[in-house]
Amino acid sequence: MTSLPAINCLVDVVLMDGETYQSRVEDVTDRRLTVAAPYGIHAADMPKIGSSMELAWVAGDRRVAVDVRLTALSREQPPRWSLETVGSIRLQTRRNYVRGGGGESVEVSSGGASYEGKVIDLSEGGVRCRLTEDKFDRDDRVEVRIALENETIPLRGTVLFVRRDYENATFDVIITYETTELVGRAIRGYVLRREMEERRRTRESVANAG
């Protein structure tokens, strides 16, 4: 069973907006850790006490991660963060992009016509959505508008694949796109927040069932 990182282990601290910062473990006690204040973080991006985040590190030949909550910020020099682990350690599979979400409204347009559907999942590199109109084919150039919380993200992309489910009169369309750093960060942060919220609900459901 994988244990928490040891003192002096190098770790990555992943904030809710998806930004990753390097740090080092200073102390470990039971389910609590103290890490050096992450390198390169700006004052405006400093999380508040109680904020959720992810801690990731390499254990043997695997990259693992655990959800944590910020419990204290020290004023000593060098500054340190106190973290409390939430849930269990898990294997972190490396992908090109963090993928998640689902259920968001999406609008796909081409040739002046627009079609509404729902997101199945998305990342900063592409979206898989479900439409009721059979209007797209592989390599079609399209415009996409994805509703994320209080903002709508406009993107230009290319249809990679269409799966036609004639029995249910739906069509799953995979669209790839390239994003700016600002847009990519917004999508990445949204996906991570959704993922953390789902894990929190699961933990609460298990606790209530017990």
C-alpha atoms as a PDB file:
ATOM      1  CA  MET A   1       0.000   0.000   0.000  1.00  0.00           C
ATOM      2  CA  THR A   2       1.361   3.418  -0.963  1.00  0.00           C
ATOM      3  CA  SER A   3       2.022   5.748   1.967  1.00  0.00           C
ATOM      4  CA  LEU A   4       2.227   9.519   2.163  1.00  0.00           C
ATOM      5  CA  PRO A   5       5.425  11.113   0.833  1.00  0.00           C
ATOM      6  CA  ALA A   6       8.396  11.175   3.206  1.00  0.00           C
ATOM      7  CA  ILE A   7      10.188  14.260   4.501  1.00  0.00           C
ATOM      8  CA  ASN A   8      12.201  15.987   1.729  1.00  0.00           C
ATOM      9  CA  CYS A   9      10.155  14.255  -0.998  1.00  0.00           C
ATOM     10  CA  LEU A  10       9.480  16.531  -3.981  1.00  0.00           C
ATOM     11  CA  VAL A  11       5.769  17.012  -4.649  1.00  0.00           C
ATOM     12  CA  ASP A  12       3.450  18.915  -6.993  1.00  0.00           C
ATOM     13  CA  VAL A  13       0.700  21.049  -5.477  1.00  0.00           C
ATOM     14  CA  VAL A  14      -2.259  21.370  -7.876  1.00  0.00           C
ATOM     15  CA  LEU A  15      -4.629  24.238  -7.077  1.00  0.00           C
ATOM     16  CA  MET A  16      -8.334  24.341  -7.928  1.00  0.00           C
ATOM     17  CA  ASP A  17      -7.717  26.346 -11.106  1.00  0.00           C
ATOM     18  CA  GLY A  18      -5.453  23.590 -12.434  1.00  0.00           C
ATOM     19  CA  GLU A  19      -2.167  25.409 -11.907  1.00  0.00           C
ATOM     20  CA  THR A  20       0.654  23.168 -10.660  1.00  0.00           C
ATOM     21  CA  TYR A  21       3.486  24.304  -8.382  1.00  0.00           C
ATOM     22  CA  GLN A  22       6.544  22.460  -7.082  1.00  0.00           C
ATOM     23  CA  SER A  23       7.149  21.986  -3.372  1.00  0.00           C
ATOM     24  CA  ARG A  24       8.881  19.750  -0.823  1.00  0.00           C
ATOM     25  CA  VAL A  25       7.601  17.849   2.208  1.00  0.00           C
ATOM     26  CA  GLU A  26       8.877  19.311   5.484  1.00  0.00           C
ATOM     27  CA  ASP A  27       7.000  17.128   7.978  1.00  0.00           C
ATOM     28  CA  VAL A  28       4.497  14.239   8.058  1.00  0.00           C
ATOM     29  CA  THR A  29       2.309  13.279  11.018  1.00  0.00           C
ATOM     30  CA  ASP A  30      -0.442  10.702  10.571  1.00  0.00           C
ATOM     31  CA  ARG A  31      -2.718  12.210   7.882  1.00  0.00           C
ATOM     32  CA  ARG A  32      -1.226  15.698   8.008  1.00  0.00           C
ATOM     33  CA  LEU A  33       1.675  17.138   6.054  1.00  0.00           C
ATOM     34  CA  THR A  34       3.691  20.317   6.135  1.00  0.00           C
ATOM     35  CA  VAL A  35       5.143  21.448   2.804  1.00  0.00           C
ATOM     36  CA  ALA A  36       7.276  24.381   1.764  1.00  0.00           C
ATOM     37  CA  ALA A  37       5.184  27.184   0.279  1.00  0.00           C
ATOM     38  CA  PRO A  38       4.972  26.241  -3.428  1.00  0.00           C
ATOM     39  CA  TYR A  39       7.617  27.890  -5.577  1.00  0.00           C
ATOM     40  CA  GLY A  40       6.491  30.601  -8.015  1.00  0.00           C
ATOM     41  CA  ILE A  41       2.958  31.167  -6.724  1.00  0.00           C
ATOM     42  CA  HIS A  42       1.776  34.781  -6.905  1.00  0.00           C
ATOM     43  CA  ALA A  43       0.104  36.548  -4.000  1.00  0.00           C
ATOM     44  CA  ALA A  44      -3.103  36.950  -6.022  1.00  0.00           C
ATOM     45  CA  ASP A  45      -3.288  33.159  -6.511  1.00  0.00           C
ATOM     46  CA  MET A  46      -2.785  32.256  -2.845  1.00  0.00           C
ATOM     47  CA  PRO A  47      -5.548  29.884  -1.705  1.00  0.00           C
ATOM     48  CA  LYS A  48      -7.586  30.531   1.424  1.00  0.00           C
ATOM     49  CA  ILE A  49      -7.614  28.378   4.536  1.00  0.00           C
ATOM     50  CA  GLY A  50      -9.950  25.441   3.894  1.00  0.00           C
ATOM     51  CA  SER A  51      -9.289  25.362   0.138  1.00  0.00           C
ATOM     52  CA  SER A  52      -9.146  21.964  -1.555  1.00  0.00           C
ATOM     53  CA  MET A  53      -6.207  20.965  -3.746  1.00  0.00           C
ATOM     54  CA  GLU A  54      -4.277  17.931  -4.915  1.00  0.00           C
ATOM     55  CA  LEU A  55      -0.846  16.693  -3.893  1.00  0.00           C
ATOM     56  CA  ALA A  56       1.015  14.480  -6.408  1.00  0.00           C
ATOM     57  CA  TRP A  57       4.381  12.723  -6.240  1.00  0.00           C
ATOM     58  CA  VAL A  58       6.340   9.770  -7.621  1.00  0.00           C
ATOM     59  CA  ALA A  59       6.347   6.554  -5.572  1.00  0.00           C
ATOM     60  CA  GLY A  60       8.652   3.953  -7.106  1.00  0.00           C
ATOM     61  CA  ASP A  61       7.795   3.943 -10.811  1.00  0.00           C
ATOM     62  CA  ARG A  62       4.265   5.286 -10.333  1.00  0.00           C
ATOM     63  CA  ARG A  63       2.831   8.764 -10.007  1.00  0.00           C
ATOM     64  CA  VAL A  64       0.260   8.947  -7.241  1.00  0.00           C
ATOM     65  CA  ALA A  65      -1.920  11.666  -5.761  1.00  0.00           C
ATOM     66  CA  VAL A  66      -4.164  12.473  -2.809  1.00  0.00           C
ATOM     67  CA  ASP A  67      -6.716  15.203  -2.177  1.00  0.00           C
ATOM     68  CA  VAL A  68      -5.751  17.637   0.581  1.00  0.00           C
ATOM     69  CA  ARG A  69      -7.190  20.658   2.351  1.00  0.00           C
ATOM     70  CA  LEU A  70      -5.184  23.709   3.397  1.00  0.00           C
ATOM     71  CA  THR A  71      -5.406  24.088   7.172  1.00  0.00           C
ATOM     72  CA  ALA A  72      -2.791  26.757   7.947  1.00  0.00           C
ATOM     73  CA  LEU A  73      -0.247  29.154   6.424  1.00  0.00           C
ATOM     74  CA  SER A  74       2.846  29.818   8.529  1.00  0.00           C
ATOM     75  CA  ARG A  75       4.467  33.249   8.842  1.00  0.00           C
ATOM     76  CA  GLU A  76       7.915  31.830   9.539  1.00  0.00           C
ATOM     77  CA  GLN A  77      10.761  31.920   7.040  1.00  0.00           C
ATOM     78  CA  PRO A  78      10.756  30.019   4.849  1.00  0.00           C
ATOM     79  CA  PRO A  79       6.932  29.966   4.776  1.00  0.00           C
ATOM     80  CA  ARG A  80       5.124  26.648   4.982  1.00  0.00           C
ATOM     81  CA  TRP A  81       1.675  25.229   4.264  1.00  0.00           C
ATOM     82  CA  SER A  82      -0.110  22.790   6.565  1.00  0.00           C
ATOM     83  CA  LEU A  83      -2.227  20.253   4.687  1.00  0.00           C
ATOM     84  CA  GLU A  84      -4.741  17.634   5.815  1.00  0.00           C
ATOM     85  CA  THR A  85      -5.306  14.644   3.535  1.00  0.00           C
ATOM     86  CA  VAL A  86      -8.841  13.866   2.416  1.00  0.00           C
ATOM     87  CA  GLY A  87      -9.635  10.389   1.112  1.00  0.00           C
ATOM     88  CA  SER A  88      -7.125   7.766   0.024  1.00  0.00           C
ATOM     89  CA  ILE A  89      -4.022   7.811  -2.168  1.00  0.00           C
ATOM     90  CA  ARG A  90      -4.728   6.913  -5.814  1.00  0.00           C
ATOM     91  CA  LEU A  91      -2.758   6.141  -8.919  1.00  0.00           C
ATOM     92  CA  GLN A  92      -2.573   9.189 -11.178  1.00  0.00           C
ATOM     93  CA  THR A  93      -2.575   8.235 -14.833  1.00  0.00           C
ATOM     94  CA  ARG A  94      -0.747  10.683 -17.046  1.00  0.00           C
ATOM     95  CA  ARG A  95      -2.800  12.010 -19.956  1.00  0.00           C
ATOM     96  CA  ASN A  96      -2.185  14.835 -22.333  1.00  0.00           C
ATOM     97  CA  TYR A  97      -5.137  16.661 -20.804  1.00  0.00           C
ATOM     98  CA  VAL A  98      -7.315  16.361 -17.750  1.00  0.00           C
ATOM     99  CA  ARG A  99     -10.729  15.151 -18.975  1.00  0.00           C
ATOM    100  CA  GLY A 100     -14.043  15.314 -17.135  1.00  0.00           C
ATOM    101  CA  GLY A 101     -17.245  17.267 -16.774  1.00  0.00           C
ATOM    102  CA  GLY A 102     -20.458  16.229 -18.475  1.00  0.00           C
ATOM    103  CA  GLY A 103     -23.969  17.634 -18.855  1.00  0.00           C
ATOM    104  CA  GLU A 104     -22.951  21.150 -19.879  1.00  0.00           C
ATOM    105  CA  SER A 105     -24.784  22.848 -22.756  1.00  0.00           C
ATOM    106  CA  VAL A 106     -22.883  23.009 -26.034  1.00  0.00           C
ATOM    107  CA  GLU A 107     -23.591  24.645 -29.378  1.00  0.00           C
ATOM    108  CA  VAL A 108     -21.890  23.396 -32.544  1.00  0.00           C
ATOM    109  CA  SER A 109     -22.038  25.581 -35.662  1.00  0.00           C
ATOM    110  CA  SER A 110     -21.040  25.163 -39.289  1.00  0.00           C
ATOM    111  CA  GLY A 111     -22.056  26.923 -42.473  1.00  0.00           C
ATOM    112  CA  GLY A 112     -24.205  29.422 -40.605  1.00  0.00           C
ATOM    113  CA  ALA A 113     -26.345  26.752 -38.902  1.00  0.00           C
ATOM    114  CA  SER A 114     -26.124  25.945 -35.180  1.00  0.00           C
ATOM    115  CA  TYR A 115     -27.109  22.803 -33.290  1.00  0.00           C
ATOM    116  CA  GLU A 116     -27.494  22.428 -29.521  1.00  0.00           C
ATOM    117  CA  GLY A 117     -26.466  19.428 -27.473  1.00  0.00           C
ATOM    118  CA  LYS A 118     -24.923  18.242 -24.221  1.00  0.00           C
ATOM    119  CA  VAL A 119     -21.299  17.633 -23.272  1.00  0.00           C
ATOM    120  CA  ILE A 120     -20.365  14.029 -22.430  1.00  0.00           C
ATOM    121  CA  ASP A 121     -16.856  15.013 -21.350  1.00  0.00           C
ATOM    122  CA  LEU A 122     -14.291  17.647 -22.249  1.00  0.00           C
ATOM    123  CA  SER A 123     -10.703  18.765 -21.824  1.00  0.00           C
ATOM    124  CA  GLU A 124      -8.579  21.672 -22.958  1.00  0.00           C
ATOM    125  CA  GLY A 125      -7.850  19.679 -26.126  1.00  0.00           C
ATOM    126  CA  GLY A 126     -11.299  18.493 -27.151  1.00  0.00           C
ATOM    127  CA  VAL A 127     -14.941  17.810 -26.334  1.00  0.00           C
ATOM    128  CA  ARG A 128     -17.238  14.822 -26.787  1.00  0.00           C
ATOM    129  CA  CYS A 129     -20.835  15.919 -27.113  1.00  0.00           C
ATOM    130  CA  ARG A 130     -24.232  14.405 -27.914  1.00  0.00           C
ATOM    131  CA  LEU A 131     -26.488  15.953 -30.545  1.00  0.00           C
ATOM    132  CA  THR A 132     -29.889  15.006 -31.930  1.00  0.00           C
ATOM    133  CA  GLU A 133     -29.096  16.159 -35.494  1.00  0.00           C
ATOM    134  CA  ASP A 134     -26.913  14.205 -37.928  1.00  0.00           C
ATOM    135  CA  LYS A 135     -25.148  17.183 -39.470  1.00  0.00           C
ATOM    136  CA  PHE A 136     -21.413  16.552 -39.100  1.00  0.00           C
ATOM    137  CA  ASP A 137     -18.739  14.289 -40.536  1.00  0.00           C
ATOM    138  CA  ARG A 138     -15.075  13.636 -39.862  1.00  0.00           C
ATOM    139  CA  ASP A 139     -12.736  16.572 -40.668  1.00  0.00           C
ATOM    140  CA  ASP A 140     -15.566  19.151 -40.711  1.00  0.00           C
ATOM    141  CA  ARG A 141     -14.426  22.532 -39.449  1.00  0.00           C
ATOM    142  CA  VAL A 142     -16.819  23.785 -36.770  1.00  0.00           C
ATOM    143  CA  GLU A 143     -17.318  26.484 -34.168  1.00  0.00           C
ATOM    144  CA  VAL A 144     -18.113  25.377 -30.612  1.00  0.00           C
ATOM    145  CA  ARG A 145     -19.587  27.259 -27.659  1.00  0.00           C
ATOM    146  CA  ILE A 146     -19.398  25.450 -24.307  1.00  0.00           C
ATOM    147  CA  ALA A 147     -21.212  26.756 -21.221  1.00  0.00           C
ATOM    148  CA  LEU A 148     -18.983  26.448 -18.144  1.00  0.00           C
ATOM    149  CA  GLU A 149     -20.466  27.805 -14.921  1.00  0.00           C
ATOM    150  CA  ASN A 150     -20.877  31.568 -15.472  1.00  0.00           C
ATOM    151  CA  GLU A 151     -19.042  31.851 -18.792  1.00  0.00           C
ATOM    152  CA  THR A 152     -19.349  30.506 -22.327  1.00  0.00           C
ATOM    153  CA  ILE A 153     -16.142  29.376 -24.039  1.00  0.00           C
ATOM    154  CA  PRO A 154     -16.036  29.927 -27.846  1.00  0.00           C
ATOM    155  CA  LEU A 155     -13.668  27.637 -29.797  1.00  0.00           C
ATOM    156  CA  ARG A 156     -12.841  26.646 -33.369  1.00  0.00           C
ATOM    157  CA  GLY A 157     -12.240  22.959 -33.932  1.00  0.00           C
ATOM    158  CA  THR A 158     -12.303  19.939 -36.218  1.00  0.00           C
ATOM    159  CA  VAL A 159     -14.608  16.924 -36.038  1.00  0.00           C
ATOM    160  CA  LEU A 160     -12.511  13.878 -35.218  1.00  0.00           C
ATOM    161  CA  PHE A 161     -15.203  11.205 -35.033  1.00  0.00           C
ATOM    162  CA  VAL A 162     -18.992  10.754 -35.239  1.00  0.00           C
ATOM    163  CA  ARG A 163     -20.786   7.776 -33.685  1.00  0.00           C
ATOM    164  CA  ARG A 164     -24.324   7.452 -34.942  1.00  0.00           C
ATOM    165  CA  ASP A 165     -26.863   5.775 -32.641  1.00  0.00           C
ATOM    166  CA  TYR A 166     -29.879   5.577 -34.926  1.00  0.00           C
ATOM    167  CA  GLU A 167     -31.911   3.519 -32.437  1.00  0.00           C
ATOM    168  CA  ASN A 168     -31.882   6.361 -29.902  1.00  0.00           C
ATOM    169  CA  ALA A 169     -31.743   9.131 -32.531  1.00  0.00           C
ATOM    170  CA  THR A 170     -28.559  10.636 -31.096  1.00  0.00           C
ATOM    171  CA  PHE A 171     -25.102  11.354 -32.454  1.00  0.00           C
ATOM    172  CA  ASP A 172     -21.909  11.512 -30.411  1.00  0.00           C
ATOM    173  CA  VAL A 173     -19.464  13.968 -31.940  1.00  0.00           C
ATOM    174  CA  ILE A 174     -15.824  14.287 -30.873  1.00  0.00           C
ATOM    175  CA  ILE A 175     -14.302  17.675 -31.690  1.00  0.00           C
ATOM    176  CA  THR A 176     -10.651  18.587 -31.173  1.00  0.00           C
ATOM    177  CA  TYR A 177      -9.361  22.133 -30.816  1.00  0.00           C
ATOM    178  CA  GLU A 178      -6.381  24.176 -29.693  1.00  0.00           C
ATOM    179  CA  THR A 179      -6.754  26.680 -26.877  1.00  0.00           C
ATOM    180  CA  THR A 180      -4.860  29.705 -25.662  1.00  0.00           C
ATOM    181  CA  GLU A 181      -3.231  29.366 -22.233  1.00  0.00           C
ATOM    182  CA  LEU A 182      -6.003  31.482 -20.694  1.00  0.00           C
ATOM    183  CA  VAL A 183      -8.824  29.375 -22.148  1.00  0.00           C
ATOM    184  CA  GLY A 184      -6.971  26.127 -21.457  1.00  0.00           C
ATOM    185  CA  ARG A 185      -6.509  27.137 -17.839  1.00  0.00           C
ATOM    186  CA  ALA A 186     -10.216  27.967 -17.494  1.00  0.00           C
ATOM    187  CA  ILE A 187     -11.266  24.561 -18.857  1.00  0.00           C
ATOM    188  CA  ARG A 188      -8.648  22.675 -16.818  1.00  0.00           C
ATOM    189  CA  GLY A 189      -9.680  24.427 -13.621  1.00  0.00           C
ATOM    190  CA  TYR A 190     -13.365  23.763 -14.280  1.00  0.00           C
ATOM    191  CA  VAL A 191     -12.747  20.044 -14.899  1.00  0.00           C
ATOM    192  CA  LEU A 192     -10.664  19.695 -11.723  1.00  0.00           C
ATOM    193  CA  ARG A 193     -13.278  21.490  -9.631  1.00  0.00           C
ATOM    194  CA  ARG A 194     -15.975  19.165 -10.967  1.00  0.00           C
ATOM    195  CA  GLU A 195     -13.788  16.144 -10.225  1.00  0.00           C
ATOM    196  CA  MET A 196     -13.085  17.247  -6.655  1.00  0.00           C
ATOM    197  CA  GLU A 197     -16.753  18.002  -6.066  1.00  0.00           C
ATOM    198  CA  GLU A 198     -17.751  14.539  -7.302  1.00  0.00           C
ATOM    199  CA  ARG A 199     -15.230  12.884  -4.997  1.00  0.00           C
ATOM    200  CA  ARG A 200     -16.495  14.988  -2.079  1.00  0.00           C
ATOM    201  CA  ARG A 201     -20.085  13.881  -2.785  1.00  0.00           C
ATOM    202  CA  THR A 202     -18.979  10.250  -2.968  1.00  0.00           C
ATOM    203  CA  ARG A 203     -17.208  10.490   0.395  1.00  0.00           C
ATOM    204  CA  GLU A 204     -20.250  12.126   1.994  1.00  0.00           C
ATOM    205  CA  SER A 205     -22.542   9.485   0.513  1.00  0.00           C
ATOM    206  CA  VAL A 206     -20.399   6.675   1.927  1.00  0.00           C
ATOM    207  CA  ALA A 207     -20.208   8.404   5.319  1.00  0.00           C
ATOM    208  CA  ASN A 208     -23.972   8.927   5.463  1.00  0.00           C
ATOM    209  CA  ALA A 209     -24.626   5.320   4.445  1.00  0.00           C
ATOM    210  CA  GLY A 210     -22.448   4.122   7.342  1.00  0.00           C
END
